[in-house]
Amino acid sequence: MTGELPKGRLPEREVTRLKKNTQQAQNRVLVLDKNKQPLMPCHPARARELMRKGRAAVYRRFPFTIILKDREGGQTQPAALKFDPGSKKTGIAVVADFQRGKRCIFAAELEHRGEQIKKALEKRRNIRRSRRGRKTRYRKARFENRRRPQGWLAPSLQSRVDNIASWTQKFRALVPISGLSVENVRFDTHKLVNPEVEGIEYQQGTLFGYEVKEYLLDKWGRKCAYCGKQNVPLQVEHMTPKSRGGSNRVDNLTLACEKCNQKKSNQTAEEFGFPELRQKADKPLRSAAVVNSTRPAILRRLESTGLLVETGSGGQTKFNRSQQGYAKEHWLDAMCIGDSGRQVFVETQHEVLEIKAMGRGSRQMCRVDRFGFPRTGAKKKQKRVGGFQTGDIVKAVVTKGKKQGSYEGRVAVRSSGNFNIKGRKQTTQGIAAKYCKTLQKIDGYTYNRRTGVSSPL
């Protein structure tokens, strides 16, 4: 985030982006007053007008934010920041409450790096264990004398919680958020395994079918278990039919397209030629448990903000989304969370900001070789060169020489002072630091824009 007001007009690439076809709704442009207090996001056309008149300047590129030079304070409408936490991606939506009803004004999807963290920790663990097993430097294992604090989560899971908490702070600094919403329970695993836990009345409720269907879609990859077809209507199917003693337990259920379901008829999955399905169905609800384990921690972090936090289940989210005819996307799930997600308007095509967590650098004291011995010094090298750090978004205008021209992208710094700039299509090497200007400093995330489709296929 830049602390000063950039000079000049809106960059030509941003002007072109903001002039796209109006049939595709774009994310609203986030707005700050001259004291850097958040105002209501404005339409891209309004942002263009303010930039042309010199009343506003670019404050942040991702998410795109302008700062007004001549305005202090203003009237705002209630706006809710909504999260749909997932195993790999988290949906984010900002829903504003206007006089005509609720409307999604900003959509994003946050991709976590839990798998990369897990692999890095496994690599470090293997190196340490192999070192203990060789007749080289021996270090006694310390498993017995370690204590984990209450509420401890594995680093791969904690990173998901930290990402959501970080973006809550970012959006609160850029948008006048009045409330938060989060999907607190994806699957009620106890009720899925024991359907009679609270009586038949619970099973006949409106949302239970959505809880079961959503879990099965997640478990079986949203495709037919028999023919593998995707993007077709799927039916809940009993691997052992009820007429032959099968139950309604979730480990006896799978998904099938209408053609396979009719063809299977009264056969069991084994008789139908798919004995491997039973083994997959008997696996514990591990994926659901992993996702559910982070949700209490996320809820506690959101409640610590002091804002009113609305919660909902995955079944309720799907019910709201299905009733409004929206497609299955993470940002649409976030938009439909809780009671406030029943009637929310969004255009058929809406811009989605893709956010990917990349980390801010290695936490290692030093690099090691394949045998586990240090190959670099413990002293960290200086990260910044000439005021720039690898990962910063910069713009370079080279006025002379072989590389004369304009370049924009992420910079990779070099101690020589000649940097590499990675643009959308290619990487340009050997750009001197004196030609570079910071547009946005590294914050541990990369960004991309795409079109999200809200209507079902």
Protein backbone atom coordinates (compact mmCIF):
# COMPACT_ATOMS: atom_id res chain seq x y z
CA MET A 1 0.00 0.00 0.00
CA THR A 2 1.40 3.40 -0.90
CA GLY A 3 1.39 6.15 1.68
CA GLU A 4 1.59 9.13 -0.71
CA LEU A 5 -0.81 10.40 -3.32
CA PRO A 6 0.52 9.27 -6.71
CA LYS A 7 0.80 11.96 -9.34
CA GLY A 8 -0.71 11.80 -12.78
CA ARG A 9 -3.87 10.37 -14.25
CA LEU A 10 -5.30 6.86 -14.20
CA PRO A 11 -2.98 4.47 -16.12
CA GLU A 12 -4.12 3.66 -19.65
CA ARG A 13 -4.42 -0.06 -18.88
CA GLU A 14 -6.78 0.68 -16.00
CA VAL A 15 -8.80 3.04 -18.21
CA THR A 16 -9.16 0.28 -20.79
CA ARG A 17 -10.20 -2.22 -18.14
CA LEU A 18 -12.78 0.14 -16.66
CA LYS A 19 -14.25 0.78 -20.12
CA LYS A 20 -15.19 -2.86 -20.72
CA ASN A 21 -18.63 -3.95 -21.79
CA THR A 22 -21.20 -2.90 -19.18
CA GLN A 23 -22.96 -6.27 -19.53
CA GLN A 24 -20.15 -7.68 -17.42
CA ALA A 25 -20.41 -6.13 -13.98
CA GLN A 26 -17.09 -5.11 -12.51
CA ASN A 27 -16.05 -4.95 -8.92
CA ARG A 28 -16.77 -1.55 -7.47
CA VAL A 29 -13.78 0.73 -7.05
CA LEU A 30 -12.90 1.14 -3.38
CA VAL A 31 -12.75 4.74 -2.16
CA LEU A 32 -10.94 6.52 0.69
CA ASP A 33 -11.34 10.14 1.77
CA LYS A 34 -8.36 12.46 2.14
CA ASN A 35 -7.81 11.20 5.71
CA LYS A 36 -7.67 7.58 4.42
CA GLN A 37 -11.03 6.70 5.96
CA PRO A 38 -13.17 4.27 3.91
CA LEU A 39 -16.17 5.51 1.95
CA MET A 40 -18.73 3.55 -0.05
CA PRO A 41 -17.21 1.95 -3.18
CA CYS A 42 -18.16 3.71 -6.39
CA HIS A 43 -18.90 2.62 -9.94
CA PRO A 44 -15.87 2.43 -12.29
CA ALA A 45 -17.37 5.20 -14.45
CA ARG A 46 -17.50 7.49 -11.43
CA ALA A 47 -13.89 6.64 -10.62
CA ARG A 48 -12.84 7.55 -14.17
CA GLU A 49 -14.58 10.90 -13.87
CA LEU A 50 -12.88 11.69 -10.56
CA MET A 51 -9.49 10.74 -11.99
CA ARG A 52 -9.93 12.90 -15.10
CA LYS A 53 -10.87 15.94 -13.01
CA GLY A 54 -7.87 15.44 -10.78
CA ARG A 55 -10.00 14.97 -7.67
CA ALA A 56 -8.68 11.47 -6.95
CA ALA A 57 -5.52 9.43 -7.29
CA VAL A 58 -4.66 5.72 -7.31
CA TYR A 59 -4.02 4.51 -3.76
CA ARG A 60 -3.78 0.75 -4.28
CA ARG A 61 -3.80 -1.46 -7.36
CA PHE A 62 -5.15 -4.69 -5.83
CA PRO A 63 -7.91 -4.40 -4.82
CA PHE A 64 -8.17 -1.25 -6.92
CA THR A 65 -8.60 1.73 -4.61
CA ILE A 66 -8.65 5.48 -5.14
CA ILE A 67 -8.18 8.26 -2.60
CA LEU A 68 -10.07 11.54 -2.82
CA LYS A 69 -8.09 14.77 -2.50
CA ASP A 70 -10.92 17.14 -1.59
CA ARG A 71 -13.40 15.17 0.52
CA GLU A 72 -13.54 14.30 4.18
CA GLY A 73 -16.15 11.84 5.52
CA GLY A 74 -19.52 11.05 3.97
CA GLN A 75 -22.69 9.02 4.28
CA THR A 76 -22.35 5.25 3.98
CA GLN A 77 -24.73 2.28 3.70
CA PRO A 78 -24.49 -0.96 5.72
CA ALA A 79 -22.02 -3.36 4.12
CA ALA A 80 -21.23 -6.94 5.15
CA LEU A 81 -17.98 -8.80 4.52
CA LYS A 82 -18.78 -12.49 3.97
CA PHE A 83 -16.46 -15.52 3.94
CA ASP A 84 -16.98 -19.08 2.74
CA PRO A 85 -13.93 -20.93 4.16
CA GLY A 86 -12.78 -23.92 2.13
CA SER A 87 -9.95 -26.41 2.12
CA LYS A 88 -8.09 -24.87 -0.83
CA LYS A 89 -10.02 -21.68 -1.58
CA THR A 90 -12.08 -19.22 0.42
CA GLY A 91 -14.85 -17.21 -1.19
CA ILE A 92 -15.13 -13.51 -0.30
CA ALA A 93 -18.04 -11.20 -1.05
CA VAL A 94 -18.91 -7.66 0.01
CA VAL A 95 -22.68 -7.19 0.11
CA ALA A 96 -24.14 -3.70 0.51
CA ASP A 97 -27.66 -3.03 1.73
CA PHE A 98 -29.21 -0.40 -0.55
CA GLN A 99 -32.79 0.90 -0.52
CA ARG A 100 -33.68 -1.44 -3.39
CA GLY A 101 -32.23 -4.46 -1.59
CA LYS A 102 -28.94 -6.25 -1.04
CA ARG A 103 -26.37 -6.26 -3.81
CA CYS A 104 -22.94 -7.84 -4.25
CA ILE A 105 -20.48 -5.03 -4.97
CA PHE A 106 -17.17 -6.90 -4.66
CA ALA A 107 -16.21 -10.55 -5.19
CA ALA A 108 -12.93 -12.35 -4.62
CA GLU A 109 -11.51 -15.84 -4.13
CA LEU A 110 -8.57 -16.44 -1.83
CA GLU A 111 -6.33 -19.44 -2.60
CA HIS A 112 -4.47 -20.81 0.43
CA ARG A 113 -0.98 -22.30 0.54
CA GLY A 114 -1.63 -25.01 3.13
CA GLU A 115 -0.32 -27.80 0.87
CA GLN A 116 2.96 -25.96 0.22
CA ILE A 117 3.44 -25.42 3.95
CA LYS A 118 2.78 -29.08 4.65
CA LYS A 119 5.32 -30.20 2.03
CA ALA A 120 7.95 -27.78 3.35
CA LEU A 121 7.50 -29.04 6.91
CA GLU A 122 7.67 -32.66 5.76
CA LYS A 123 10.90 -31.94 3.90
CA ARG A 124 12.43 -30.35 6.99
CA ARG A 125 11.26 -33.21 9.18
CA ASN A 126 12.76 -35.83 6.86
CA ILE A 127 16.10 -34.03 6.80
CA ARG A 128 16.22 -33.86 10.59
CA ARG A 129 15.24 -37.49 11.04
CA SER A 130 17.75 -38.71 8.48
CA ARG A 131 20.46 -36.70 10.21
CA ARG A 132 19.67 -38.35 13.54
CA GLY A 133 19.87 -41.78 11.94
CA ARG A 134 23.35 -41.29 10.43
CA LYS A 135 26.68 -41.39 12.22
CA THR A 136 27.18 -37.70 11.66
CA ARG A 137 25.81 -34.96 13.84
CA TYR A 138 23.40 -36.64 16.25
CA ARG A 139 20.61 -34.73 17.93
CA LYS A 140 18.37 -36.40 20.42
CA ALA A 141 14.66 -36.28 19.57
CA ARG A 142 12.66 -33.88 21.74
CA PHE A 143 9.13 -35.15 21.18
CA GLU A 144 8.43 -35.72 24.87
CA ASN A 145 9.18 -32.25 26.19
CA ARG A 146 7.12 -30.18 23.80
CA ARG A 147 3.85 -28.56 24.83
CA ARG A 148 1.29 -27.14 22.46
CA PRO A 149 -0.81 -24.17 23.59
CA GLN A 150 -4.58 -24.44 23.84
CA GLY A 151 -6.27 -24.03 20.48
CA TRP A 152 -3.11 -25.00 18.57
CA LEU A 153 -3.54 -25.78 14.88
CA ALA A 154 -1.09 -27.31 12.45
CA PRO A 155 0.78 -24.60 10.47
CA SER A 156 -0.95 -25.63 7.24
CA LEU A 157 -4.33 -25.04 8.92
CA GLN A 158 -3.25 -21.95 10.85
CA SER A 159 -2.23 -20.29 7.59
CA ARG A 160 -5.85 -20.46 6.43
CA VAL A 161 -7.03 -18.74 9.60
CA ASP A 162 -4.33 -16.08 9.31
CA ASN A 163 -5.17 -15.38 5.66
CA ILE A 164 -8.83 -14.73 6.46
CA ALA A 165 -7.94 -12.57 9.46
CA SER A 166 -5.47 -10.60 7.33
CA TRP A 167 -8.02 -9.89 4.60
CA THR A 168 -10.61 -8.91 7.17
CA GLN A 169 -8.26 -6.16 8.31
CA LYS A 170 -7.48 -5.13 4.74
CA PHE A 171 -11.14 -4.80 3.73
CA ARG A 172 -12.05 -2.97 6.94
CA ALA A 173 -9.40 -0.38 6.07
CA LEU A 174 -10.79 0.06 2.54
CA VAL A 175 -14.57 -0.48 2.92
CA PRO A 176 -16.96 0.74 5.68
CA ILE A 177 -17.76 -2.78 6.94
CA SER A 178 -20.61 -2.92 9.45
CA GLY A 179 -20.88 -6.70 9.89
CA LEU A 180 -19.24 -10.04 9.10
CA SER A 181 -20.65 -13.36 7.92
CA VAL A 182 -18.94 -16.73 7.91
CA GLU A 183 -19.94 -20.31 7.17
CA ASN A 184 -19.27 -21.88 10.57
CA VAL A 185 -20.34 -25.50 9.94
CA ARG A 186 -19.91 -27.17 6.57
CA PHE A 187 -21.21 -30.62 7.51
CA ASP A 188 -22.83 -31.87 10.71
CA THR A 189 -20.80 -35.10 10.70
CA HIS A 190 -22.53 -36.61 13.74
CA LYS A 191 -25.98 -36.24 12.20
CA LEU A 192 -24.76 -37.52 8.84
CA VAL A 193 -23.53 -40.76 10.43
CA ASN A 194 -26.46 -41.14 12.83
CA PRO A 195 -29.58 -39.78 11.10
CA GLU A 196 -31.84 -40.51 14.07
CA VAL A 197 -29.77 -38.50 16.55
CA GLU A 198 -32.55 -35.97 17.12
CA GLY A 199 -35.59 -37.78 15.81
CA ILE A 200 -37.29 -38.10 12.47
CA GLU A 201 -38.56 -34.51 12.63
CA TYR A 202 -35.01 -33.24 12.18
CA GLN A 203 -34.52 -35.43 9.11
CA GLN A 204 -37.62 -34.07 7.46
CA GLY A 205 -36.50 -30.46 7.89
CA THR A 206 -35.87 -28.18 4.94
CA LEU A 207 -32.09 -28.02 5.17
CA PHE A 208 -31.03 -31.59 5.97
CA GLY A 209 -31.23 -32.74 2.37
CA TYR A 210 -28.96 -29.89 1.37
CA GLU A 211 -26.45 -30.84 4.11
CA VAL A 212 -26.27 -34.43 2.80
CA LYS A 213 -26.14 -33.46 -0.88
CA GLU A 214 -23.45 -30.85 -0.29
CA TYR A 215 -21.30 -33.35 1.60
CA LEU A 216 -21.69 -35.99 -1.13
CA LEU A 217 -20.81 -33.48 -3.83
CA ASP A 218 -17.65 -32.61 -1.96
CA LYS A 219 -16.72 -36.23 -1.25
CA TRP A 220 -17.33 -37.64 -4.74
CA GLY A 221 -15.84 -34.71 -6.68
CA ARG A 222 -19.14 -33.41 -8.10
CA LYS A 223 -19.38 -36.17 -10.69
CA CYS A 224 -21.22 -39.44 -11.24
CA ALA A 225 -19.55 -42.23 -9.26
CA TYR A 226 -20.25 -44.75 -12.04
CA CYS A 227 -19.65 -43.02 -15.39
CA GLY A 228 -17.67 -39.98 -14.20
CA LYS A 229 -19.82 -37.39 -15.97
CA GLN A 230 -19.61 -33.83 -14.68
CA ASN A 231 -21.83 -30.76 -15.08
CA VAL A 232 -24.97 -32.93 -15.23
CA PRO A 233 -27.83 -33.24 -12.71
CA LEU A 234 -26.77 -35.77 -10.04
CA GLN A 235 -29.02 -37.88 -7.83
CA VAL A 236 -28.35 -39.28 -4.36
CA GLU A 237 -28.08 -43.05 -4.83
CA HIS A 238 -27.90 -45.98 -2.37
CA MET A 239 -24.99 -48.35 -3.05
CA THR A 240 -26.96 -51.06 -1.23
CA PRO A 241 -30.63 -50.41 -2.12
CA LYS A 242 -33.06 -49.91 0.73
CA SER A 243 -35.16 -52.77 -0.62
CA ARG A 244 -32.20 -55.06 0.10
CA GLY A 245 -31.47 -53.82 3.60
CA GLY A 246 -29.50 -50.65 2.81
CA SER A 247 -29.69 -47.70 5.18
CA ASN A 248 -29.72 -43.93 4.84
CA ARG A 249 -26.30 -43.60 6.48
CA VAL A 250 -23.98 -41.34 4.55
CA ASP A 251 -21.47 -44.17 4.03
CA ASN A 252 -24.11 -45.99 1.95
CA LEU A 253 -24.82 -43.00 -0.28
CA THR A 254 -23.14 -41.84 -3.45
CA LEU A 255 -23.98 -39.70 -6.49
CA ALA A 256 -25.16 -40.93 -9.87
CA CYS A 257 -26.57 -39.42 -13.01
CA GLU A 258 -30.11 -40.35 -13.93
CA LYS A 259 -29.05 -42.81 -16.63
CA CYS A 260 -26.68 -44.77 -14.34
CA ASN A 261 -29.16 -44.70 -11.47
CA GLN A 262 -31.88 -46.28 -13.64
CA LYS A 263 -29.47 -48.78 -15.18
CA LYS A 264 -28.23 -49.91 -11.75
CA SER A 265 -31.81 -50.42 -10.61
CA ASN A 266 -31.96 -52.84 -7.64
CA GLN A 267 -28.35 -54.01 -7.80
CA THR A 268 -25.64 -53.29 -5.26
CA ALA A 269 -22.57 -51.35 -6.28
CA GLU A 270 -20.55 -54.61 -6.28
CA GLU A 271 -23.06 -56.36 -8.54
CA PHE A 272 -23.09 -53.34 -10.84
CA GLY A 273 -19.34 -53.72 -11.33
CA PHE A 274 -17.98 -51.08 -8.95
CA PRO A 275 -16.67 -52.86 -5.83
CA GLU A 276 -14.09 -50.11 -5.21
CA LEU A 277 -16.82 -47.61 -4.33
CA ARG A 278 -17.45 -49.34 -1.03
CA GLN A 279 -13.85 -48.82 0.04
CA LYS A 280 -14.00 -45.14 -0.79
CA ALA A 281 -17.36 -44.69 0.92
CA ASP A 282 -16.08 -46.35 4.12
CA LYS A 283 -13.31 -43.79 4.54
CA PRO A 284 -13.80 -41.51 7.56
CA LEU A 285 -15.14 -38.01 7.14
CA ARG A 286 -11.58 -36.72 7.05
CA SER A 287 -12.00 -33.93 4.52
CA ALA A 288 -14.98 -32.55 6.41
CA ALA A 289 -13.15 -32.79 9.72
CA VAL A 290 -10.12 -30.93 8.36
CA VAL A 291 -12.24 -28.04 7.11
CA ASN A 292 -14.37 -27.97 10.25
CA SER A 293 -11.28 -27.83 12.49
CA THR A 294 -10.37 -24.36 11.23
CA ARG A 295 -13.84 -22.88 11.46
CA PRO A 296 -13.96 -22.34 15.25
CA ALA A 297 -10.59 -20.56 15.08
CA ILE A 298 -11.81 -18.39 12.18
CA LEU A 299 -14.97 -17.52 14.10
CA ARG A 300 -12.94 -16.51 17.17
CA ARG A 301 -10.68 -14.27 15.08
CA LEU A 302 -13.65 -12.57 13.43
CA GLU A 303 -15.45 -12.08 16.75
CA SER A 304 -12.32 -10.42 18.16
CA THR A 305 -12.88 -7.54 15.69
CA GLY A 306 -15.85 -6.34 17.74
CA LEU A 307 -18.22 -6.44 14.76
CA LEU A 308 -21.45 -8.43 14.71
CA VAL A 309 -20.68 -11.85 13.18
CA GLU A 310 -23.41 -13.82 11.40
CA THR A 311 -22.96 -17.58 11.01
CA GLY A 312 -24.60 -20.22 8.85
CA SER A 313 -24.17 -23.83 7.74
CA GLY A 314 -23.17 -25.20 4.37
CA GLY A 315 -26.64 -26.64 3.87
CA GLN A 316 -28.25 -23.25 4.43
CA THR A 317 -25.78 -21.64 2.03
CA LYS A 318 -26.64 -24.11 -0.70
CA PHE A 319 -30.35 -23.70 -0.02
CA ASN A 320 -30.09 -19.91 -0.43
CA ARG A 321 -27.98 -20.24 -3.57
CA SER A 322 -30.28 -22.82 -5.16
CA GLN A 323 -33.41 -20.81 -4.41
CA GLN A 324 -31.91 -17.80 -6.21
CA GLY A 325 -30.65 -19.85 -9.15
CA TYR A 326 -26.95 -19.07 -8.76
CA ALA A 327 -24.12 -21.34 -9.93
CA LYS A 328 -21.65 -23.13 -7.68
CA GLU A 329 -18.71 -20.78 -7.09
CA HIS A 330 -16.87 -19.92 -3.91
CA TRP A 331 -17.69 -16.21 -4.03
CA LEU A 332 -21.36 -16.95 -4.67
CA ASP A 333 -21.41 -19.30 -1.67
CA ALA A 334 -19.95 -16.48 0.43
CA MET A 335 -22.62 -14.12 -0.84
CA CYS A 336 -25.42 -16.54 0.16
CA ILE A 337 -24.26 -17.31 3.72
CA GLY A 338 -26.76 -17.06 6.57
CA ASP A 339 -30.17 -15.44 6.74
CA SER A 340 -28.81 -12.31 5.03
CA GLY A 341 -27.98 -14.40 1.94
CA ARG A 342 -31.56 -15.20 0.97
CA GLN A 343 -32.14 -12.30 -1.40
CA VAL A 344 -28.94 -10.85 -2.83
CA PHE A 345 -28.70 -9.52 -6.36
CA VAL A 346 -25.68 -10.05 -8.58
CA GLU A 347 -25.26 -9.69 -12.33
CA THR A 348 -25.03 -12.70 -14.67
CA GLN A 349 -21.30 -12.02 -15.15
CA HIS A 350 -19.30 -10.39 -12.41
CA GLU A 351 -15.59 -9.65 -12.11
CA VAL A 352 -13.79 -11.75 -9.50
CA LEU A 353 -10.43 -10.85 -7.98
CA GLU A 354 -8.32 -14.00 -7.62
CA ILE A 355 -5.97 -13.75 -4.64
CA LYS A 356 -3.24 -16.34 -4.14
CA ALA A 357 -1.20 -16.59 -0.95
CA MET A 358 2.51 -16.83 -1.76
CA GLY A 359 4.22 -16.04 1.54
CA ARG A 360 6.72 -13.29 2.23
CA GLY A 361 9.94 -15.29 2.04
CA SER A 362 11.73 -18.24 3.61
CA ARG A 363 11.68 -18.62 7.39
CA GLN A 364 14.82 -20.77 7.35
CA MET A 365 17.88 -19.56 9.21
CA CYS A 366 19.97 -21.03 6.41
CA ARG A 367 19.61 -23.26 3.38
CA VAL A 368 20.71 -26.90 3.58
CA ASP A 369 22.02 -29.37 1.06
CA ARG A 370 20.56 -32.80 0.32
CA PHE A 371 22.40 -34.26 3.29
CA GLY A 372 20.95 -31.73 5.75
CA PHE A 373 24.13 -29.66 6.22
CA PRO A 374 24.13 -25.83 5.94
CA ARG A 375 25.14 -24.46 2.57
CA THR A 376 24.47 -20.77 3.31
CA GLY A 377 25.22 -18.52 6.24
CA ALA A 378 22.77 -17.92 9.07
CA LYS A 379 22.93 -14.17 8.53
CA LYS A 380 20.11 -12.94 6.33
CA LYS A 381 21.01 -10.85 3.34
CA GLN A 382 19.42 -7.46 3.00
CA LYS A 383 16.07 -7.84 1.27
CA ARG A 384 15.77 -4.32 -0.08
CA VAL A 385 17.95 -2.84 -2.79
CA GLY A 386 17.49 0.82 -3.58
CA GLY A 387 14.20 0.87 -1.69
CA PHE A 388 12.75 -2.06 -3.66
CA GLN A 389 12.06 -5.65 -2.57
CA THR A 390 11.46 -8.73 -4.67
CA GLY A 391 7.71 -9.00 -5.29
CA ASP A 392 6.95 -5.28 -5.36
CA ILE A 393 4.73 -4.12 -8.22
CA VAL A 394 6.66 -1.43 -10.07
CA LYS A 395 6.56 0.63 -13.23
CA ALA A 396 9.74 1.47 -15.10
CA VAL A 397 10.00 4.07 -17.84
CA VAL A 398 13.38 3.61 -19.54
CA THR A 399 14.24 6.75 -21.50
CA LYS A 400 17.37 5.59 -23.31
CA GLY A 401 19.38 2.54 -24.25
CA LYS A 402 18.50 -0.83 -25.77
CA LYS A 403 15.64 -1.38 -23.31
CA GLN A 404 13.94 1.93 -23.94
CA GLY A 405 10.22 1.70 -23.20
CA SER A 406 7.69 1.25 -20.42
CA TYR A 407 7.50 -1.86 -18.23
CA GLU A 408 5.10 -2.81 -15.45
CA GLY A 409 5.00 -5.91 -13.25
CA ARG A 410 6.61 -7.60 -10.26
CA VAL A 411 10.26 -6.87 -9.66
CA ALA A 412 13.08 -9.24 -8.71
CA VAL A 413 15.84 -7.17 -7.11
CA ARG A 414 19.55 -7.73 -7.66
CA SER A 415 22.43 -6.40 -5.56
CA SER A 416 23.92 -4.91 -8.74
CA GLY A 417 20.97 -2.50 -8.99
CA ASN A 418 19.75 -3.98 -12.28
CA PHE A 419 16.37 -5.59 -11.70
CA ASN A 420 14.15 -8.07 -13.52
CA ILE A 421 10.53 -7.08 -14.13
CA LYS A 422 8.03 -9.86 -14.75
CA GLY A 423 5.04 -8.66 -16.75
CA ARG A 424 1.97 -10.50 -17.95
CA LYS A 425 3.64 -11.97 -21.02
CA GLN A 426 7.40 -11.84 -20.50
CA THR A 427 10.22 -11.01 -18.10
CA THR A 428 12.56 -8.14 -18.89
CA GLN A 429 16.03 -8.28 -17.37
CA GLY A 430 18.54 -5.57 -16.55
CA ILE A 431 16.27 -2.62 -15.72
CA ALA A 432 18.15 -0.06 -13.59
CA ALA A 433 16.63 0.85 -10.24
CA LYS A 434 16.65 4.57 -11.08
CA TYR A 435 13.93 4.01 -13.69
CA CYS A 436 11.60 2.10 -11.33
CA LYS A 437 8.70 3.50 -9.35
CA THR A 438 6.77 1.50 -6.73
CA LEU A 439 3.07 1.00 -7.49
CA GLN A 440 2.32 -1.43 -4.64
CA LYS A 441 4.65 -3.08 -2.16
CA ILE A 442 4.74 -6.82 -1.66
CA ASP A 443 2.09 -8.11 0.74
CA GLY A 444 2.48 -11.88 0.37
CA TYR A 445 -0.23 -12.32 -2.30
CA THR A 446 -0.51 -12.36 -6.08
CA TYR A 447 -3.56 -11.12 -7.94
CA ASN A 448 -5.48 -11.83 -11.11
CA ARG A 449 -8.86 -10.79 -12.50
CA ARG A 450 -11.36 -13.10 -14.15
CA THR A 451 -15.04 -13.24 -15.02
CA GLY A 452 -17.28 -15.18 -12.65
CA VAL A 453 -20.57 -16.59 -13.93
CA SER A 454 -23.47 -16.43 -11.49
CA SER A 455 -26.12 -18.23 -13.55
CA PRO A 456 -26.01 -22.06 -13.51
CA LEU A 457 -24.83 -23.94 -16.59
